[in-house]
Amino acid sequence: PSSTAYHISGALRLEGQLDVEALKASFTAQVERHESLRTVFRVRDDGELEQVIEPAGHVQVQQVDLSDIIDAETRKQRLDEEARRLHQTPFDLQTGPLLRLGLIRESRDSHVLVVVMHHIISDGWSMQVIVEEFVAQYRARVEGREPELAPLLIQYADYAVWQRNWLEAGEKERQLAYWREQLGGEQ
């Protein structure tokens, strides 16, 4: 529970005037759009793990203001500490959320957005999709228009069901046989 080995983090430097409310609304829309960003994992009474998709809610953005620190080196050190803190705070897989956002203000026109997700709901490819969609959402909001993103045809849970059915239809045995042949019988 206290390990950060499965945390995926990234940071975006945001230069220029920032609309914090548009930023929050853009990430709230992302969480509404992607079920995986509202998924938690609970243990059922029978001991099996269950994936639960929570209803959409408001996104929390932890804000830290470092703009009053005059010395650039000290400010950089504090920025690194805050980004590390955001990354190293454990996630609770049962209660979520499994997405954490931090907005670190360096000056009036310079911010660092830190995005941390648990690997159980995301991977490197997914992180890039989230960033690209965030940029599109944010740009539309600050320009005063409605974001235009193509509807998602499937969600991750749909893919997981397909993959489970695919494995149960015989692919599991084929995959196991392949890897046993590749890896050999001795450990």
C-alpha atoms as a PDB file:
ATOM      1  CA  PRO A   1       0.000   0.000   0.000  1.00  0.00           C
ATOM      2  CA  SER A   2       2.832   2.479   0.624  1.00  0.00           C
ATOM      3  CA  SER A   3       4.817   1.695  -2.512  1.00  0.00           C
ATOM      4  CA  THR A   4       5.070   4.177  -5.367  1.00  0.00           C
ATOM      5  CA  ALA A   5       6.494   1.594  -7.779  1.00  0.00           C
ATOM      6  CA  TYR A   6       3.269   1.661  -9.803  1.00  0.00           C
ATOM      7  CA  HIS A   7       2.884   5.434  -9.998  1.00  0.00           C
ATOM      8  CA  ILE A   8       3.124   7.073 -13.403  1.00  0.00           C
ATOM      9  CA  SER A   9       4.002  10.748 -13.218  1.00  0.00           C
ATOM     10  CA  GLY A  10       4.502  13.591 -15.613  1.00  0.00           C
ATOM     11  CA  ALA A  11       4.884  17.321 -15.394  1.00  0.00           C
ATOM     12  CA  LEU A  12       3.914  20.034 -17.863  1.00  0.00           C
ATOM     13  CA  ARG A  13       5.343  23.528 -17.711  1.00  0.00           C
ATOM     14  CA  LEU A  14       2.563  26.026 -18.419  1.00  0.00           C
ATOM     15  CA  GLU A  15       3.795  29.467 -19.478  1.00  0.00           C
ATOM     16  CA  GLY A  16       1.591  32.524 -19.827  1.00  0.00           C
ATOM     17  CA  GLN A  17      -1.714  33.475 -18.268  1.00  0.00           C
ATOM     18  CA  LEU A  18      -3.410  30.420 -16.742  1.00  0.00           C
ATOM     19  CA  ASP A  19      -7.141  29.960 -16.262  1.00  0.00           C
ATOM     20  CA  VAL A  20      -7.218  27.650 -13.241  1.00  0.00           C
ATOM     21  CA  GLU A  21     -10.987  27.126 -13.475  1.00  0.00           C
ATOM     22  CA  ALA A  22     -10.659  26.057 -17.136  1.00  0.00           C
ATOM     23  CA  LEU A  23      -7.867  23.701 -16.098  1.00  0.00           C
ATOM     24  CA  LYS A  24     -10.061  22.104 -13.414  1.00  0.00           C
ATOM     25  CA  ALA A  25     -13.059  21.892 -15.769  1.00  0.00           C
ATOM     26  CA  SER A  26     -10.871  20.264 -18.433  1.00  0.00           C
ATOM     27  CA  PHE A  27      -9.699  17.536 -16.067  1.00  0.00           C
ATOM     28  CA  THR A  28     -13.212  17.072 -14.679  1.00  0.00           C
ATOM     29  CA  ALA A  29     -14.349  16.471 -18.266  1.00  0.00           C
ATOM     30  CA  GLN A  30     -11.500  13.976 -18.741  1.00  0.00           C
ATOM     31  CA  VAL A  31     -12.603  12.029 -15.673  1.00  0.00           C
ATOM     32  CA  GLU A  32     -16.201  12.059 -16.918  1.00  0.00           C
ATOM     33  CA  ARG A  33     -15.044  10.890 -20.368  1.00  0.00           C
ATOM     34  CA  HIS A  34     -12.712   8.060 -19.266  1.00  0.00           C
ATOM     35  CA  GLU A  35     -14.194   5.493 -16.889  1.00  0.00           C
ATOM     36  CA  SER A  36     -10.725   4.199 -16.037  1.00  0.00           C
ATOM     37  CA  LEU A  37      -9.975   7.526 -14.310  1.00  0.00           C
ATOM     38  CA  ARG A  38     -12.877   6.912 -11.914  1.00  0.00           C
ATOM     39  CA  THR A  39     -12.227   3.240 -11.315  1.00  0.00           C
ATOM     40  CA  VAL A  40     -11.365   1.762  -7.920  1.00  0.00           C
ATOM     41  CA  PHE A  41     -10.696  -1.820  -6.881  1.00  0.00           C
ATOM     42  CA  ARG A  42     -12.478  -3.450  -3.967  1.00  0.00           C
ATOM     43  CA  VAL A  43     -12.322  -6.895  -2.443  1.00  0.00           C
ATOM     44  CA  ARG A  44     -15.706  -8.646  -2.489  1.00  0.00           C
ATOM     45  CA  ASP A  45     -17.002 -10.789   0.365  1.00  0.00           C
ATOM     46  CA  ASP A  46     -15.811 -13.905  -1.484  1.00  0.00           C
ATOM     47  CA  GLY A  47     -12.238 -12.520  -1.587  1.00  0.00           C
ATOM     48  CA  GLU A  48     -12.258 -11.732  -5.314  1.00  0.00           C
ATOM     49  CA  LEU A  49     -11.129  -8.341  -6.519  1.00  0.00           C
ATOM     50  CA  GLU A  50     -13.822  -6.245  -8.181  1.00  0.00           C
ATOM     51  CA  GLN A  51     -13.373  -3.281 -10.496  1.00  0.00           C
ATOM     52  CA  VAL A  52     -15.851  -0.519  -9.575  1.00  0.00           C
ATOM     53  CA  ILE A  53     -16.474   2.499 -11.796  1.00  0.00           C
ATOM     54  CA  GLU A  54     -17.425   5.440  -9.603  1.00  0.00           C
ATOM     55  CA  PRO A  55     -19.848   8.133 -10.793  1.00  0.00           C
ATOM     56  CA  ALA A  56     -18.215  11.229 -12.224  1.00  0.00           C
ATOM     57  CA  GLY A  57     -17.209  13.808  -9.686  1.00  0.00           C
ATOM     58  CA  HIS A  58     -15.235  16.979  -9.231  1.00  0.00           C
ATOM     59  CA  VAL A  59     -11.472  16.763  -9.747  1.00  0.00           C
ATOM     60  CA  GLN A  60      -9.227  17.899  -6.919  1.00  0.00           C
ATOM     61  CA  VAL A  61      -6.198  19.981  -7.901  1.00  0.00           C
ATOM     62  CA  GLN A  62      -3.646  20.469  -5.133  1.00  0.00           C
ATOM     63  CA  GLN A  63      -2.316  24.000  -5.535  1.00  0.00           C
ATOM     64  CA  VAL A  64       1.021  25.186  -4.202  1.00  0.00           C
ATOM     65  CA  ASP A  65       2.165  28.791  -4.569  1.00  0.00           C
ATOM     66  CA  LEU A  66       5.944  29.293  -4.639  1.00  0.00           C
ATOM     67  CA  SER A  67       5.808  32.733  -6.259  1.00  0.00           C
ATOM     68  CA  ASP A  68       6.857  34.509  -3.049  1.00  0.00           C
ATOM     69  CA  ILE A  69      10.233  32.706  -3.030  1.00  0.00           C
ATOM     70  CA  ILE A  70      12.702  35.198  -4.525  1.00  0.00           C
ATOM     71  CA  ASP A  71      15.764  32.967  -4.867  1.00  0.00           C
ATOM     72  CA  ALA A  72      15.436  30.923  -8.086  1.00  0.00           C
ATOM     73  CA  GLU A  73      17.517  28.014  -6.755  1.00  0.00           C
ATOM     74  CA  THR A  74      15.417  27.742  -3.589  1.00  0.00           C
ATOM     75  CA  ARG A  75      12.199  27.957  -5.644  1.00  0.00           C
ATOM     76  CA  LYS A  76      13.458  25.186  -7.976  1.00  0.00           C
ATOM     77  CA  GLN A  77      14.338  23.017  -4.974  1.00  0.00           C
ATOM     78  CA  ARG A  78      10.871  23.522  -3.456  1.00  0.00           C
ATOM     79  CA  LEU A  79       9.219  22.807  -6.822  1.00  0.00           C
ATOM     80  CA  ASP A  80      11.126  19.507  -7.029  1.00  0.00           C
ATOM     81  CA  GLU A  81      10.124  18.664  -3.441  1.00  0.00           C
ATOM     82  CA  GLU A  82       6.445  19.366  -4.139  1.00  0.00           C
ATOM     83  CA  ALA A  83       6.464  17.318  -7.359  1.00  0.00           C
ATOM     84  CA  ARG A  84       8.178  14.459  -5.497  1.00  0.00           C
ATOM     85  CA  ARG A  85       5.601  14.680  -2.679  1.00  0.00           C
ATOM     86  CA  LEU A  86       2.753  14.429  -5.196  1.00  0.00           C
ATOM     87  CA  HIS A  87       4.406  11.390  -6.785  1.00  0.00           C
ATOM     88  CA  GLN A  88       5.288   9.675  -3.506  1.00  0.00           C
ATOM     89  CA  THR A  89       1.905   9.987  -1.801  1.00  0.00           C
ATOM     90  CA  PRO A  90       0.362   6.500  -1.899  1.00  0.00           C
ATOM     91  CA  PHE A  91      -2.960   5.830  -3.605  1.00  0.00           C
ATOM     92  CA  ASP A  92      -5.760   3.913  -1.899  1.00  0.00           C
ATOM     93  CA  LEU A  93      -6.956   1.503  -4.588  1.00  0.00           C
ATOM     94  CA  GLN A  94     -10.223   0.885  -2.748  1.00  0.00           C
ATOM     95  CA  THR A  95     -11.369   4.470  -2.306  1.00  0.00           C
ATOM     96  CA  GLY A  96      -9.509   6.400  -5.017  1.00  0.00           C
ATOM     97  CA  PRO A  97      -9.184   8.613  -6.825  1.00  0.00           C
ATOM     98  CA  LEU A  98      -6.277   7.020  -8.652  1.00  0.00           C
ATOM     99  CA  LEU A  99      -5.471  10.269 -10.460  1.00  0.00           C
ATOM    100  CA  ARG A 100      -3.726  13.096  -8.621  1.00  0.00           C
ATOM    101  CA  LEU A 101      -3.161  16.609  -9.948  1.00  0.00           C
ATOM    102  CA  GLY A 102      -0.899  19.288  -8.579  1.00  0.00           C
ATOM    103  CA  LEU A 103      -0.533  22.838  -9.825  1.00  0.00           C
ATOM    104  CA  ILE A 104       2.647  24.538  -8.669  1.00  0.00           C
ATOM    105  CA  ARG A 105       2.792  28.285  -9.231  1.00  0.00           C
ATOM    106  CA  GLU A 106       6.282  29.679  -9.755  1.00  0.00           C
ATOM    107  CA  SER A 107       5.183  33.155 -10.811  1.00  0.00           C
ATOM    108  CA  ARG A 108       2.123  34.917 -12.187  1.00  0.00           C
ATOM    109  CA  ASP A 109       2.789  33.488 -15.653  1.00  0.00           C
ATOM    110  CA  SER A 110       4.652  30.269 -14.893  1.00  0.00           C
ATOM    111  CA  HIS A 111       3.145  27.068 -13.492  1.00  0.00           C
ATOM    112  CA  VAL A 112       4.004  23.387 -13.405  1.00  0.00           C
ATOM    113  CA  LEU A 113       1.156  20.903 -13.713  1.00  0.00           C
ATOM    114  CA  VAL A 114       1.984  17.552 -12.119  1.00  0.00           C
ATOM    115  CA  VAL A 115      -0.122  14.546 -13.130  1.00  0.00           C
ATOM    116  CA  VAL A 116       0.195  11.282 -11.185  1.00  0.00           C
ATOM    117  CA  MET A 117      -1.812   8.141 -11.946  1.00  0.00           C
ATOM    118  CA  HIS A 118      -1.666   4.625 -10.597  1.00  0.00           C
ATOM    119  CA  HIS A 119      -0.499   2.146 -13.222  1.00  0.00           C
ATOM    120  CA  ILE A 120      -3.578  -0.014 -12.561  1.00  0.00           C
ATOM    121  CA  ILE A 121      -5.682   2.599 -14.439  1.00  0.00           C
ATOM    122  CA  SER A 122      -3.124   3.920 -16.896  1.00  0.00           C
ATOM    123  CA  ASP A 123       0.073   3.331 -18.827  1.00  0.00           C
ATOM    124  CA  GLY A 124       2.506   5.502 -20.747  1.00  0.00           C
ATOM    125  CA  TRP A 125       0.365   5.465 -23.883  1.00  0.00           C
ATOM    126  CA  SER A 126      -2.741   6.405 -21.898  1.00  0.00           C
ATOM    127  CA  MET A 127      -0.902   9.268 -20.205  1.00  0.00           C
ATOM    128  CA  GLN A 128      -0.169  10.772 -23.625  1.00  0.00           C
ATOM    129  CA  VAL A 129      -3.858  10.493 -24.607  1.00  0.00           C
ATOM    130  CA  ILE A 130      -4.875  12.232 -21.375  1.00  0.00           C
ATOM    131  CA  VAL A 131      -2.402  15.071 -21.963  1.00  0.00           C
ATOM    132  CA  GLU A 132      -3.471  15.574 -25.590  1.00  0.00           C
ATOM    133  CA  GLU A 133      -7.150  15.592 -24.655  1.00  0.00           C
ATOM    134  CA  PHE A 134      -6.481  17.943 -21.740  1.00  0.00           C
ATOM    135  CA  VAL A 135      -4.780  20.398 -24.110  1.00  0.00           C
ATOM    136  CA  ALA A 136      -7.768  20.266 -26.496  1.00  0.00           C
ATOM    137  CA  GLN A 137     -10.250  20.665 -23.617  1.00  0.00           C
ATOM    138  CA  TYR A 138      -8.345  23.559 -22.057  1.00  0.00           C
ATOM    139  CA  ARG A 139      -7.790  25.380 -25.357  1.00  0.00           C
ATOM    140  CA  ALA A 140     -11.492  25.216 -26.200  1.00  0.00           C
ATOM    141  CA  ARG A 141     -12.531  26.497 -22.776  1.00  0.00           C
ATOM    142  CA  VAL A 142     -10.188  29.507 -22.778  1.00  0.00           C
ATOM    143  CA  GLU A 143     -11.329  30.332 -26.313  1.00  0.00           C
ATOM    144  CA  GLY A 144     -14.930  30.297 -25.083  1.00  0.00           C
ATOM    145  CA  ARG A 145     -16.099  27.317 -27.101  1.00  0.00           C
ATOM    146  CA  GLU A 146     -17.256  23.795 -26.319  1.00  0.00           C
ATOM    147  CA  PRO A 147     -14.531  21.134 -26.628  1.00  0.00           C
ATOM    148  CA  GLU A 148     -14.998  18.846 -29.643  1.00  0.00           C
ATOM    149  CA  LEU A 149     -13.636  15.377 -28.986  1.00  0.00           C
ATOM    150  CA  ALA A 150     -14.771  12.305 -30.858  1.00  0.00           C
ATOM    151  CA  PRO A 151     -16.970  10.084 -28.691  1.00  0.00           C
ATOM    152  CA  LEU A 152     -15.272   7.061 -27.162  1.00  0.00           C
ATOM    153  CA  LEU A 153     -16.559   3.912 -28.848  1.00  0.00           C
ATOM    154  CA  ILE A 154     -15.365   1.662 -26.041  1.00  0.00           C
ATOM    155  CA  GLN A 155     -14.129   2.098 -22.500  1.00  0.00           C
ATOM    156  CA  TYR A 156     -11.346   0.134 -20.859  1.00  0.00           C
ATOM    157  CA  ALA A 157     -13.827  -2.150 -19.076  1.00  0.00           C
ATOM    158  CA  ASP A 158     -15.204  -3.153 -22.503  1.00  0.00           C
ATOM    159  CA  TYR A 159     -11.688  -4.037 -23.639  1.00  0.00           C
ATOM    160  CA  ALA A 160     -11.064  -6.041 -20.452  1.00  0.00           C
ATOM    161  CA  VAL A 161     -14.228  -8.104 -21.033  1.00  0.00           C
ATOM    162  CA  TRP A 162     -13.190  -8.740 -24.644  1.00  0.00           C
ATOM    163  CA  GLN A 163      -9.703  -9.790 -23.549  1.00  0.00           C
ATOM    164  CA  ARG A 164     -11.070 -12.137 -20.859  1.00  0.00           C
ATOM    165  CA  ASN A 165     -13.438 -13.754 -23.396  1.00  0.00           C
ATOM    166  CA  TRP A 166     -10.567 -14.052 -25.892  1.00  0.00           C
ATOM    167  CA  LEU A 167      -8.400 -15.835 -23.310  1.00  0.00           C
ATOM    168  CA  GLU A 168     -11.231 -18.119 -22.189  1.00  0.00           C
ATOM    169  CA  ALA A 169     -11.947 -19.089 -25.815  1.00  0.00           C
ATOM    170  CA  GLY A 170      -8.604 -20.917 -26.005  1.00  0.00           C
ATOM    171  CA  GLU A 171      -6.060 -18.170 -26.409  1.00  0.00           C
ATOM    172  CA  LYS A 172      -4.954 -18.561 -22.785  1.00  0.00           C
ATOM    173  CA  GLU A 173      -3.713 -22.114 -23.412  1.00  0.00           C
ATOM    174  CA  ARG A 174      -1.984 -21.074 -26.632  1.00  0.00           C
ATOM    175  CA  GLN A 175      -0.238 -18.189 -24.880  1.00  0.00           C
ATOM    176  CA  LEU A 176       0.813 -20.377 -21.947  1.00  0.00           C
ATOM    177  CA  ALA A 177       2.183 -23.035 -24.297  1.00  0.00           C
ATOM    178  CA  TYR A 178       4.178 -20.416 -26.218  1.00  0.00           C
ATOM    179  CA  TRP A 179       5.746 -18.933 -23.091  1.00  0.00           C
ATOM    180  CA  ARG A 180       6.477 -22.343 -21.562  1.00  0.00           C
ATOM    181  CA  GLU A 181       8.334 -23.234 -24.742  1.00  0.00           C
ATOM    182  CA  GLN A 182      10.204 -19.924 -24.741  1.00  0.00           C
ATOM    183  CA  LEU A 183      11.099 -19.967 -21.057  1.00  0.00           C
ATOM    184  CA  GLY A 184      11.574 -23.710 -20.546  1.00  0.00           C
ATOM    185  CA  GLY A 185      10.341 -25.852 -17.715  1.00  0.00           C
ATOM    186  CA  GLU A 186      13.014 -25.041 -15.131  1.00  0.00           C
ATOM    187  CA  GLN A 187      12.884 -21.875 -13.079  1.00  0.00           C
END
